[in-house]
mmCIF file of all heavy atoms, coordinates in Angstrom:
data_MODEL
# 
_entry.id   MODEL 
# 
loop_
_atom_site.group_PDB 
_atom_site.id 
_atom_site.type_symbol 
_atom_site.label_atom_id 
_atom_site.label_alt_id 
_atom_site.label_comp_id 
_atom_site.label_asym_id 
_atom_site.label_entity_id 
_atom_site.label_seq_id 
_atom_site.pdbx_PDB_ins_code 
_atom_site.Cartn_x 
_atom_site.Cartn_y 
_atom_site.Cartn_z 
_atom_site.occupancy 
_atom_site.B_iso_or_equiv 
_atom_site.pdbx_formal_charge 
_atom_site.auth_seq_id 
_atom_site.auth_comp_id 
_atom_site.auth_asym_id 
_atom_site.auth_atom_id 
_atom_site.pdbx_PDB_model_num 
ATOM 1   N N   . GLU A 1 1  ? 10.000  0.190   -5.783  1.00 0.00 ? 1  GLU A N   1 
ATOM 2   C CA  . GLU A 1 1  ? 11.125  0.066   -4.754  1.00 0.00 ? 1  GLU A CA  1 
ATOM 3   C C   . GLU A 1 1  ? 10.770  0.579   -3.445  1.00 0.00 ? 1  GLU A C   1 
ATOM 4   O O   . GLU A 1 1  ? 10.145  1.516   -3.244  1.00 0.00 ? 1  GLU A O   1 
ATOM 5   C CB  . GLU A 1 1  ? 12.299  0.978   -5.322  1.00 0.00 ? 1  GLU A CB  1 
ATOM 6   C CG  . GLU A 1 1  ? 13.560  0.833   -4.507  1.00 0.00 ? 1  GLU A CG  1 
ATOM 7   C CD  . GLU A 1 1  ? 14.722  1.568   -5.045  1.00 0.00 ? 1  GLU A CD  1 
ATOM 8   O OE1 . GLU A 1 1  ? 14.515  2.352   -6.146  1.00 0.00 ? 1  GLU A OE1 1 
ATOM 9   O OE2 . GLU A 1 1  ? 15.839  1.573   -4.545  1.00 0.00 ? 1  GLU A OE2 1 
ATOM 10  N N   . TYR A 1 2  ? 11.076  -0.353  -2.426  1.00 0.00 ? 2  TYR A N   1 
ATOM 11  C CA  . TYR A 1 2  ? 10.724  -0.083  -1.060  1.00 0.00 ? 2  TYR A CA  1 
ATOM 12  C C   . TYR A 1 2  ? 11.324  1.140   -0.532  1.00 0.00 ? 2  TYR A C   1 
ATOM 13  O O   . TYR A 1 2  ? 12.454  1.477   -0.760  1.00 0.00 ? 2  TYR A O   1 
ATOM 14  C CB  . TYR A 1 2  ? 11.201  -1.315  -0.189  1.00 0.00 ? 2  TYR A CB  1 
ATOM 15  C CG  . TYR A 1 2  ? 10.859  -1.110  1.192   1.00 0.00 ? 2  TYR A CG  1 
ATOM 16  C CD1 . TYR A 1 2  ? 9.632   -1.535  1.709   1.00 0.00 ? 2  TYR A CD1 1 
ATOM 17  C CD2 . TYR A 1 2  ? 11.722  -0.798  2.232   1.00 0.00 ? 2  TYR A CD2 1 
ATOM 18  C CE1 . TYR A 1 2  ? 9.209   -1.540  2.917   1.00 0.00 ? 2  TYR A CE1 1 
ATOM 19  C CE2 . TYR A 1 2  ? 11.355  -0.605  3.519   1.00 0.00 ? 2  TYR A CE2 1 
ATOM 20  C CZ  . TYR A 1 2  ? 10.186  -1.049  3.905   1.00 0.00 ? 2  TYR A CZ  1 
ATOM 21  O OH  . TYR A 1 2  ? 9.795   -0.926  5.236   1.00 0.00 ? 2  TYR A OH  1 
ATOM 22  N N   . GLY A 1 3  ? 10.468  2.027   0.123   1.00 0.00 ? 3  GLY A N   1 
ATOM 23  C CA  . GLY A 1 3  ? 10.978  3.246   0.694   1.00 0.00 ? 3  GLY A CA  1 
ATOM 24  C C   . GLY A 1 3  ? 11.001  4.410   -0.339  1.00 0.00 ? 3  GLY A C   1 
ATOM 25  O O   . GLY A 1 3  ? 11.281  5.467   0.078   1.00 0.00 ? 3  GLY A O   1 
ATOM 26  N N   . THR A 1 4  ? 10.366  4.047   -1.483  1.00 0.00 ? 4  THR A N   1 
ATOM 27  C CA  . THR A 1 4  ? 10.394  5.187   -2.443  1.00 0.00 ? 4  THR A CA  1 
ATOM 28  C C   . THR A 1 4  ? 8.897   5.520   -2.801  1.00 0.00 ? 4  THR A C   1 
ATOM 29  O O   . THR A 1 4  ? 7.913   4.624   -2.475  1.00 0.00 ? 4  THR A O   1 
ATOM 30  C CB  . THR A 1 4  ? 11.037  4.891   -3.767  1.00 0.00 ? 4  THR A CB  1 
ATOM 31  O OG1 . THR A 1 4  ? 10.374  3.885   -4.436  1.00 0.00 ? 4  THR A OG1 1 
ATOM 32  C CG2 . THR A 1 4  ? 12.470  4.332   -3.578  1.00 0.00 ? 4  THR A CG2 1 
ATOM 33  N N   . TRP A 1 5  ? 8.609   6.673   -3.327  1.00 0.00 ? 5  TRP A N   1 
ATOM 34  C CA  . TRP A 1 5  ? 7.191   7.057   -3.775  1.00 0.00 ? 5  TRP A CA  1 
ATOM 35  C C   . TRP A 1 5  ? 6.651   6.005   -4.706  1.00 0.00 ? 5  TRP A C   1 
ATOM 36  O O   . TRP A 1 5  ? 5.396   5.622   -4.544  1.00 0.00 ? 5  TRP A O   1 
ATOM 37  C CB  . TRP A 1 5  ? 7.207   8.379   -4.481  1.00 0.00 ? 5  TRP A CB  1 
ATOM 38  C CG  . TRP A 1 5  ? 5.934   8.811   -5.118  1.00 0.00 ? 5  TRP A CG  1 
ATOM 39  C CD1 . TRP A 1 5  ? 4.897   9.382   -4.467  1.00 0.00 ? 5  TRP A CD1 1 
ATOM 40  C CD2 . TRP A 1 5  ? 5.558   8.718   -6.486  1.00 0.00 ? 5  TRP A CD2 1 
ATOM 41  N NE1 . TRP A 1 5  ? 3.886   9.625   -5.314  1.00 0.00 ? 5  TRP A NE1 1 
ATOM 42  C CE2 . TRP A 1 5  ? 4.309   9.322   -6.533  1.00 0.00 ? 5  TRP A CE2 1 
ATOM 43  C CE3 . TRP A 1 5  ? 6.242   8.158   -7.542  1.00 0.00 ? 5  TRP A CE3 1 
ATOM 44  C CZ2 . TRP A 1 5  ? 3.609   9.273   -7.819  1.00 0.00 ? 5  TRP A CZ2 1 
ATOM 45  C CZ3 . TRP A 1 5  ? 5.598   8.223   -8.780  1.00 0.00 ? 5  TRP A CZ3 1 
ATOM 46  C CH2 . TRP A 1 5  ? 4.298   8.770   -8.875  1.00 0.00 ? 5  TRP A CH2 1 
ATOM 47  N N   . GLY A 1 6  ? 7.408   5.497   -5.602  1.00 0.00 ? 6  GLY A N   1 
ATOM 48  C CA  . GLY A 1 6  ? 6.804   4.480   -6.481  1.00 0.00 ? 6  GLY A CA  1 
ATOM 49  C C   . GLY A 1 6  ? 6.442   3.156   -5.878  1.00 0.00 ? 6  GLY A C   1 
ATOM 50  O O   . GLY A 1 6  ? 5.491   2.531   -6.452  1.00 0.00 ? 6  GLY A O   1 
ATOM 51  N N   . GLY A 1 7  ? 6.954   2.809   -4.825  1.00 0.00 ? 7  GLY A N   1 
ATOM 52  C CA  . GLY A 1 7  ? 6.588   1.664   -4.011  1.00 0.00 ? 7  GLY A CA  1 
ATOM 53  C C   . GLY A 1 7  ? 5.437   1.890   -3.061  1.00 0.00 ? 7  GLY A C   1 
ATOM 54  O O   . GLY A 1 7  ? 5.200   0.978   -2.240  1.00 0.00 ? 7  GLY A O   1 
ATOM 55  N N   . GLU A 1 8  ? 4.797   3.102   -3.039  1.00 0.00 ? 8  GLU A N   1 
ATOM 56  C CA  . GLU A 1 8  ? 3.653   3.344   -2.129  1.00 0.00 ? 8  GLU A CA  1 
ATOM 57  C C   . GLU A 1 8  ? 2.301   3.219   -2.956  1.00 0.00 ? 8  GLU A C   1 
ATOM 58  O O   . GLU A 1 8  ? 2.331   3.312   -4.136  1.00 0.00 ? 8  GLU A O   1 
ATOM 59  C CB  . GLU A 1 8  ? 3.845   4.787   -1.602  1.00 0.00 ? 8  GLU A CB  1 
ATOM 60  C CG  . GLU A 1 8  ? 5.031   4.980   -0.715  1.00 0.00 ? 8  GLU A CG  1 
ATOM 61  C CD  . GLU A 1 8  ? 5.185   6.435   -0.351  1.00 0.00 ? 8  GLU A CD  1 
ATOM 62  O OE1 . GLU A 1 8  ? 4.394   7.395   -0.806  1.00 0.00 ? 8  GLU A OE1 1 
ATOM 63  O OE2 . GLU A 1 8  ? 6.117   6.826   0.371   1.00 0.00 ? 8  GLU A OE2 1 
ATOM 64  N N   . PHE A 1 9  ? 1.300   2.932   -2.043  1.00 0.00 ? 9  PHE A N   1 
ATOM 65  C CA  . PHE A 1 9  ? 0.059   2.997   -2.637  1.00 0.00 ? 9  PHE A CA  1 
ATOM 66  C C   . PHE A 1 9  ? -0.291  4.366   -3.211  1.00 0.00 ? 9  PHE A C   1 
ATOM 67  O O   . PHE A 1 9  ? 0.043   5.340   -2.692  1.00 0.00 ? 9  PHE A O   1 
ATOM 68  C CB  . PHE A 1 9  ? -1.119  2.779   -1.457  1.00 0.00 ? 9  PHE A CB  1 
ATOM 69  C CG  . PHE A 1 9  ? -1.206  1.411   -1.030  1.00 0.00 ? 9  PHE A CG  1 
ATOM 70  C CD1 . PHE A 1 9  ? -0.311  0.807   -0.094  1.00 0.00 ? 9  PHE A CD1 1 
ATOM 71  C CD2 . PHE A 1 9  ? -2.267  0.549   -1.398  1.00 0.00 ? 9  PHE A CD2 1 
ATOM 72  C CE1 . PHE A 1 9  ? -0.363  -0.464  0.388   1.00 0.00 ? 9  PHE A CE1 1 
ATOM 73  C CE2 . PHE A 1 9  ? -2.397  -0.658  -0.861  1.00 0.00 ? 9  PHE A CE2 1 
ATOM 74  C CZ  . PHE A 1 9  ? -1.449  -1.259  -0.084  1.00 0.00 ? 9  PHE A CZ  1 
ATOM 75  N N   . ARG A 1 10 ? -0.997  4.414   -4.398  1.00 0.00 ? 10 ARG A N   1 
ATOM 76  C CA  . ARG A 1 10 ? -1.391  5.736   -4.864  1.00 0.00 ? 10 ARG A CA  1 
ATOM 77  C C   . ARG A 1 10 ? -2.392  6.228   -3.689  1.00 0.00 ? 10 ARG A C   1 
ATOM 78  O O   . ARG A 1 10 ? -3.156  5.267   -3.165  1.00 0.00 ? 10 ARG A O   1 
ATOM 79  C CB  . ARG A 1 10 ? -2.185  5.515   -6.177  1.00 0.00 ? 10 ARG A CB  1 
ATOM 80  C CG  . ARG A 1 10 ? -2.863  6.847   -6.604  1.00 0.00 ? 10 ARG A CG  1 
ATOM 81  C CD  . ARG A 1 10 ? -3.234  6.723   -8.032  1.00 0.00 ? 10 ARG A CD  1 
ATOM 82  N NE  . ARG A 1 10 ? -4.058  7.840   -8.434  1.00 0.00 ? 10 ARG A NE  1 
ATOM 83  C CZ  . ARG A 1 10 ? -4.166  8.405   -9.594  1.00 0.00 ? 10 ARG A CZ  1 
ATOM 84  N NH1 . ARG A 1 10 ? -3.373  7.869   -10.604 1.00 0.00 ? 10 ARG A NH1 1 
ATOM 85  N NH2 . ARG A 1 10 ? -5.087  9.397   -9.901  1.00 0.00 ? 10 ARG A NH2 1 
ATOM 86  N N   . ALA A 1 11 ? -2.385  7.519   -3.344  1.00 0.00 ? 11 ALA A N   1 
ATOM 87  C CA  . ALA A 1 11 ? -3.028  8.091   -2.261  1.00 0.00 ? 11 ALA A CA  1 
ATOM 88  C C   . ALA A 1 11 ? -4.476  7.626   -2.024  1.00 0.00 ? 11 ALA A C   1 
ATOM 89  O O   . ALA A 1 11 ? -4.957  7.397   -1.026  1.00 0.00 ? 11 ALA A O   1 
ATOM 90  C CB  . ALA A 1 11 ? -2.924  9.623   -2.280  1.00 0.00 ? 11 ALA A CB  1 
ATOM 91  N N   . GLU A 1 12 ? -5.219  7.700   -3.239  1.00 0.00 ? 12 GLU A N   1 
ATOM 92  C CA  . GLU A 1 12 ? -6.580  7.402   -3.153  1.00 0.00 ? 12 GLU A CA  1 
ATOM 93  C C   . GLU A 1 12 ? -7.021  5.858   -2.764  1.00 0.00 ? 12 GLU A C   1 
ATOM 94  O O   . GLU A 1 12 ? -8.076  5.586   -2.491  1.00 0.00 ? 12 GLU A O   1 
ATOM 95  C CB  . GLU A 1 12 ? -7.324  7.667   -4.421  1.00 0.00 ? 12 GLU A CB  1 
ATOM 96  C CG  . GLU A 1 12 ? -7.246  9.029   -4.950  1.00 0.00 ? 12 GLU A CG  1 
ATOM 97  C CD  . GLU A 1 12 ? -6.009  9.269   -5.883  1.00 0.00 ? 12 GLU A CD  1 
ATOM 98  O OE1 . GLU A 1 12 ? -4.889  8.713   -5.658  1.00 0.00 ? 12 GLU A OE1 1 
ATOM 99  O OE2 . GLU A 1 12 ? -6.180  9.998   -6.974  1.00 0.00 ? 12 GLU A OE2 1 
ATOM 100 N N   . PHE A 1 13 ? -5.873  5.057   -2.892  1.00 0.00 ? 13 PHE A N   1 
ATOM 101 C CA  . PHE A 1 13 ? -6.130  3.628   -2.629  1.00 0.00 ? 13 PHE A CA  1 
ATOM 102 C C   . PHE A 1 13 ? -5.516  3.068   -1.322  1.00 0.00 ? 13 PHE A C   1 
ATOM 103 O O   . PHE A 1 13 ? -5.586  1.899   -1.028  1.00 0.00 ? 13 PHE A O   1 
ATOM 104 C CB  . PHE A 1 13 ? -5.440  2.762   -3.851  1.00 0.00 ? 13 PHE A CB  1 
ATOM 105 C CG  . PHE A 1 13 ? -6.193  2.960   -5.110  1.00 0.00 ? 13 PHE A CG  1 
ATOM 106 C CD1 . PHE A 1 13 ? -5.790  3.977   -5.885  1.00 0.00 ? 13 PHE A CD1 1 
ATOM 107 C CD2 . PHE A 1 13 ? -7.312  2.180   -5.453  1.00 0.00 ? 13 PHE A CD2 1 
ATOM 108 C CE1 . PHE A 1 13 ? -6.501  4.146   -7.132  1.00 0.00 ? 13 PHE A CE1 1 
ATOM 109 C CE2 . PHE A 1 13 ? -7.932  2.420   -6.652  1.00 0.00 ? 13 PHE A CE2 1 
ATOM 110 C CZ  . PHE A 1 13 ? -7.632  3.363   -7.569  1.00 0.00 ? 13 PHE A CZ  1 
ATOM 111 N N   . VAL A 1 14 ? -5.008  4.075   -0.532  1.00 0.00 ? 14 VAL A N   1 
ATOM 112 C CA  . VAL A 1 14 ? -4.464  3.683   0.833   1.00 0.00 ? 14 VAL A CA  1 
ATOM 113 C C   . VAL A 1 14 ? -5.504  2.918   1.617   1.00 0.00 ? 14 VAL A C   1 
ATOM 114 O O   . VAL A 1 14 ? -6.597  3.453   1.793   1.00 0.00 ? 14 VAL A O   1 
ATOM 115 C CB  . VAL A 1 14 ? -3.948  4.759   1.486   1.00 0.00 ? 14 VAL A CB  1 
ATOM 116 C CG1 . VAL A 1 14 ? -3.548  4.504   2.926   1.00 0.00 ? 14 VAL A CG1 1 
ATOM 117 C CG2 . VAL A 1 14 ? -2.695  5.435   0.888   1.00 0.00 ? 14 VAL A CG2 1 
ATOM 118 N N   . PRO A 1 15 ? -5.194  1.773   2.055   1.00 0.00 ? 15 PRO A N   1 
ATOM 119 C CA  . PRO A 1 15 ? -6.218  1.002   2.887   1.00 0.00 ? 15 PRO A CA  1 
ATOM 120 C C   . PRO A 1 15 ? -6.751  1.696   4.067   1.00 0.00 ? 15 PRO A C   1 
ATOM 121 O O   . PRO A 1 15 ? -5.918  2.506   4.729   1.00 0.00 ? 15 PRO A O   1 
ATOM 122 C CB  . PRO A 1 15 ? -5.532  -0.246  3.369   1.00 0.00 ? 15 PRO A CB  1 
ATOM 123 C CG  . PRO A 1 15 ? -4.414  -0.432  2.178   1.00 0.00 ? 15 PRO A CG  1 
ATOM 124 C CD  . PRO A 1 15 ? -4.037  0.972   1.914   1.00 0.00 ? 15 PRO A CD  1 
ATOM 125 N N   . VAL A 1 16 ? -8.026  1.589   4.422   1.00 0.00 ? 16 VAL A N   1 
ATOM 126 C CA  . VAL A 1 16 ? -8.532  2.216   5.632   1.00 0.00 ? 16 VAL A CA  1 
ATOM 127 C C   . VAL A 1 16 ? -8.705  1.113   6.760   1.00 0.00 ? 16 VAL A C   1 
ATOM 128 O O   . VAL A 1 16 ? -8.462  -0.147  6.434   1.00 0.00 ? 16 VAL A O   1 
ATOM 129 C CB  . VAL A 1 16 ? -9.855  2.883   5.386   1.00 0.00 ? 16 VAL A CB  1 
ATOM 130 C CG1 . VAL A 1 16 ? -9.836  3.861   4.332   1.00 0.00 ? 16 VAL A CG1 1 
ATOM 131 C CG2 . VAL A 1 16 ? -10.919 1.793   5.009   1.00 0.00 ? 16 VAL A CG2 1 
ATOM 132 N N   . ALA A 1 17 ? -8.919  1.538   7.933   1.00 0.00 ? 17 ALA A N   1 
ATOM 133 C CA  . ALA A 1 17 ? -9.059  0.618   9.014   1.00 0.00 ? 17 ALA A CA  1 
ATOM 134 C C   . ALA A 1 17 ? -9.981  -0.593  8.758   1.00 0.00 ? 17 ALA A C   1 
ATOM 135 O O   . ALA A 1 17 ? -11.036 -0.452  8.212   1.00 0.00 ? 17 ALA A O   1 
ATOM 136 C CB  . ALA A 1 17 ? -9.527  1.356   10.278  1.00 0.00 ? 17 ALA A CB  1 
ATOM 137 N N   . GLY A 1 18 ? -9.586  -1.707  9.118   1.00 0.00 ? 18 GLY A N   1 
ATOM 138 C CA  . GLY A 1 18 ? -10.253 -2.929  8.883   1.00 0.00 ? 18 GLY A CA  1 
ATOM 139 C C   . GLY A 1 18 ? -10.071 -3.660  7.491   1.00 0.00 ? 18 GLY A C   1 
ATOM 140 O O   . GLY A 1 18 ? -10.509 -4.832  7.276   1.00 0.00 ? 18 GLY A O   1 
ATOM 141 N N   . GLU A 1 19 ? -9.284  -2.979  6.602   1.00 0.00 ? 19 GLU A N   1 
ATOM 142 C CA  . GLU A 1 19 ? -9.054  -3.622  5.246   1.00 0.00 ? 19 GLU A CA  1 
ATOM 143 C C   . GLU A 1 19 ? -7.797  -4.331  5.371   1.00 0.00 ? 19 GLU A C   1 
ATOM 144 O O   . GLU A 1 19 ? -6.838  -3.977  6.152   1.00 0.00 ? 19 GLU A O   1 
ATOM 145 C CB  . GLU A 1 19 ? -9.107  -2.520  4.129   1.00 0.00 ? 19 GLU A CB  1 
ATOM 146 C CG  . GLU A 1 19 ? -10.452 -1.955  3.923   1.00 0.00 ? 19 GLU A CG  1 
ATOM 147 C CD  . GLU A 1 19 ? -10.385 -0.838  2.934   1.00 0.00 ? 19 GLU A CD  1 
ATOM 148 O OE1 . GLU A 1 19 ? -9.323  -0.231  2.517   1.00 0.00 ? 19 GLU A OE1 1 
ATOM 149 O OE2 . GLU A 1 19 ? -11.549 -0.374  2.572   1.00 0.00 ? 19 GLU A OE2 1 
ATOM 150 N N   . VAL A 1 20 ? -7.642  -5.422  4.562   1.00 0.00 ? 20 VAL A N   1 
ATOM 151 C CA  . VAL A 1 20 ? -6.592  -6.475  4.762   1.00 0.00 ? 20 VAL A CA  1 
ATOM 152 C C   . VAL A 1 20 ? -5.544  -6.222  3.636   1.00 0.00 ? 20 VAL A C   1 
ATOM 153 O O   . VAL A 1 20 ? -5.980  -6.318  2.383   1.00 0.00 ? 20 VAL A O   1 
ATOM 154 C CB  . VAL A 1 20 ? -7.190  -7.878  4.780   1.00 0.00 ? 20 VAL A CB  1 
ATOM 155 C CG1 . VAL A 1 20 ? -6.016  -8.762  4.805   1.00 0.00 ? 20 VAL A CG1 1 
ATOM 156 C CG2 . VAL A 1 20 ? -8.084  -8.119  5.924   1.00 0.00 ? 20 VAL A CG2 1 
ATOM 157 N N   . VAL A 1 21 ? -4.416  -6.168  3.938   1.00 0.00 ? 21 VAL A N   1 
ATOM 158 C CA  . VAL A 1 21 ? -3.253  -6.090  2.947   1.00 0.00 ? 21 VAL A CA  1 
ATOM 159 C C   . VAL A 1 21 ? -2.482  -7.538  3.121   1.00 0.00 ? 21 VAL A C   1 
ATOM 160 O O   . VAL A 1 21 ? -1.882  -7.734  4.106   1.00 0.00 ? 21 VAL A O   1 
ATOM 161 C CB  . VAL A 1 21 ? -2.227  -5.033  3.191   1.00 0.00 ? 21 VAL A CB  1 
ATOM 162 C CG1 . VAL A 1 21 ? -1.139  -5.044  2.139   1.00 0.00 ? 21 VAL A CG1 1 
ATOM 163 C CG2 . VAL A 1 21 ? -2.946  -3.603  3.167   1.00 0.00 ? 21 VAL A CG2 1 
ATOM 164 N N   . ALA A 1 22 ? -2.663  -8.343  2.097   1.00 0.00 ? 22 ALA A N   1 
ATOM 165 C CA  . ALA A 1 22 ? -1.882  -9.633  2.116   1.00 0.00 ? 22 ALA A CA  1 
ATOM 166 C C   . ALA A 1 22 ? -0.520  -9.421  1.969   1.00 0.00 ? 22 ALA A C   1 
ATOM 167 O O   . ALA A 1 22 ? 0.025   -8.393  1.511   1.00 0.00 ? 22 ALA A O   1 
ATOM 168 C CB  . ALA A 1 22 ? -2.505  -10.530 1.021   1.00 0.00 ? 22 ALA A CB  1 
ATOM 169 N N   . SER A 1 23 ? 0.364   -10.503 2.385   1.00 0.00 ? 23 SER A N   1 
ATOM 170 C CA  . SER A 1 23 ? 1.709   -10.372 2.174   1.00 0.00 ? 23 SER A CA  1 
ATOM 171 C C   . SER A 1 23 ? 2.018   -10.316 0.732   1.00 0.00 ? 23 SER A C   1 
ATOM 172 O O   . SER A 1 23 ? 1.242   -10.850 -0.198  1.00 0.00 ? 23 SER A O   1 
ATOM 173 C CB  . SER A 1 23 ? 2.367   -11.687 2.809   1.00 0.00 ? 23 SER A CB  1 
ATOM 174 O OG  . SER A 1 23 ? 1.824   -12.854 2.319   1.00 0.00 ? 23 SER A OG  1 
ATOM 175 N N   . GLU A 1 24 ? 3.134   -9.699  0.344   1.00 0.00 ? 24 GLU A N   1 
ATOM 176 C CA  . GLU A 1 24 ? 3.553   -9.406  -0.989  1.00 0.00 ? 24 GLU A CA  1 
ATOM 177 C C   . GLU A 1 24 ? 3.799   -10.674 -1.773  1.00 0.00 ? 24 GLU A C   1 
ATOM 178 O O   . GLU A 1 24 ? 4.517   -11.540 -1.361  1.00 0.00 ? 24 GLU A O   1 
ATOM 179 C CB  . GLU A 1 24 ? 4.704   -8.438  -0.979  1.00 0.00 ? 24 GLU A CB  1 
ATOM 180 C CG  . GLU A 1 24 ? 4.430   -7.052  -0.335  1.00 0.00 ? 24 GLU A CG  1 
ATOM 181 C CD  . GLU A 1 24 ? 5.635   -6.237  -0.335  1.00 0.00 ? 24 GLU A CD  1 
ATOM 182 O OE1 . GLU A 1 24 ? 6.710   -6.576  -0.619  1.00 0.00 ? 24 GLU A OE1 1 
ATOM 183 O OE2 . GLU A 1 24 ? 5.511   -5.051  0.261   1.00 0.00 ? 24 GLU A OE2 1 
ATOM 184 N N   . HIS A 1 25 ? 3.317   -10.609 -3.092  1.00 0.00 ? 25 HIS A N   1 
ATOM 185 C CA  . HIS A 1 25 ? 3.657   -11.808 -4.001  1.00 0.00 ? 25 HIS A CA  1 
ATOM 186 C C   . HIS A 1 25 ? 4.867   -11.469 -4.713  1.00 0.00 ? 25 HIS A C   1 
ATOM 187 O O   . HIS A 1 25 ? 5.149   -10.363 -5.121  1.00 0.00 ? 25 HIS A O   1 
ATOM 188 C CB  . HIS A 1 25 ? 2.438   -12.063 -4.855  1.00 0.00 ? 25 HIS A CB  1 
ATOM 189 C CG  . HIS A 1 25 ? 1.832   -10.906 -5.597  1.00 0.00 ? 25 HIS A CG  1 
ATOM 190 N ND1 . HIS A 1 25 ? 0.852   -10.138 -5.083  1.00 0.00 ? 25 HIS A ND1 1 
ATOM 191 C CD2 . HIS A 1 25 ? 2.142   -10.441 -6.866  1.00 0.00 ? 25 HIS A CD2 1 
ATOM 192 C CE1 . HIS A 1 25 ? 0.494   -9.110  -5.996  1.00 0.00 ? 25 HIS A CE1 1 
ATOM 193 N NE2 . HIS A 1 25 ? 1.291   -9.352  -6.942  1.00 0.00 ? 25 HIS A NE2 1 
# 
């Protein structure tokens, strides 16, 4: 769910600068 903890990246997997997050499927 958007805006909730469950809809966030697990902390260790948060993208770093230069990494690409594609639009959601």
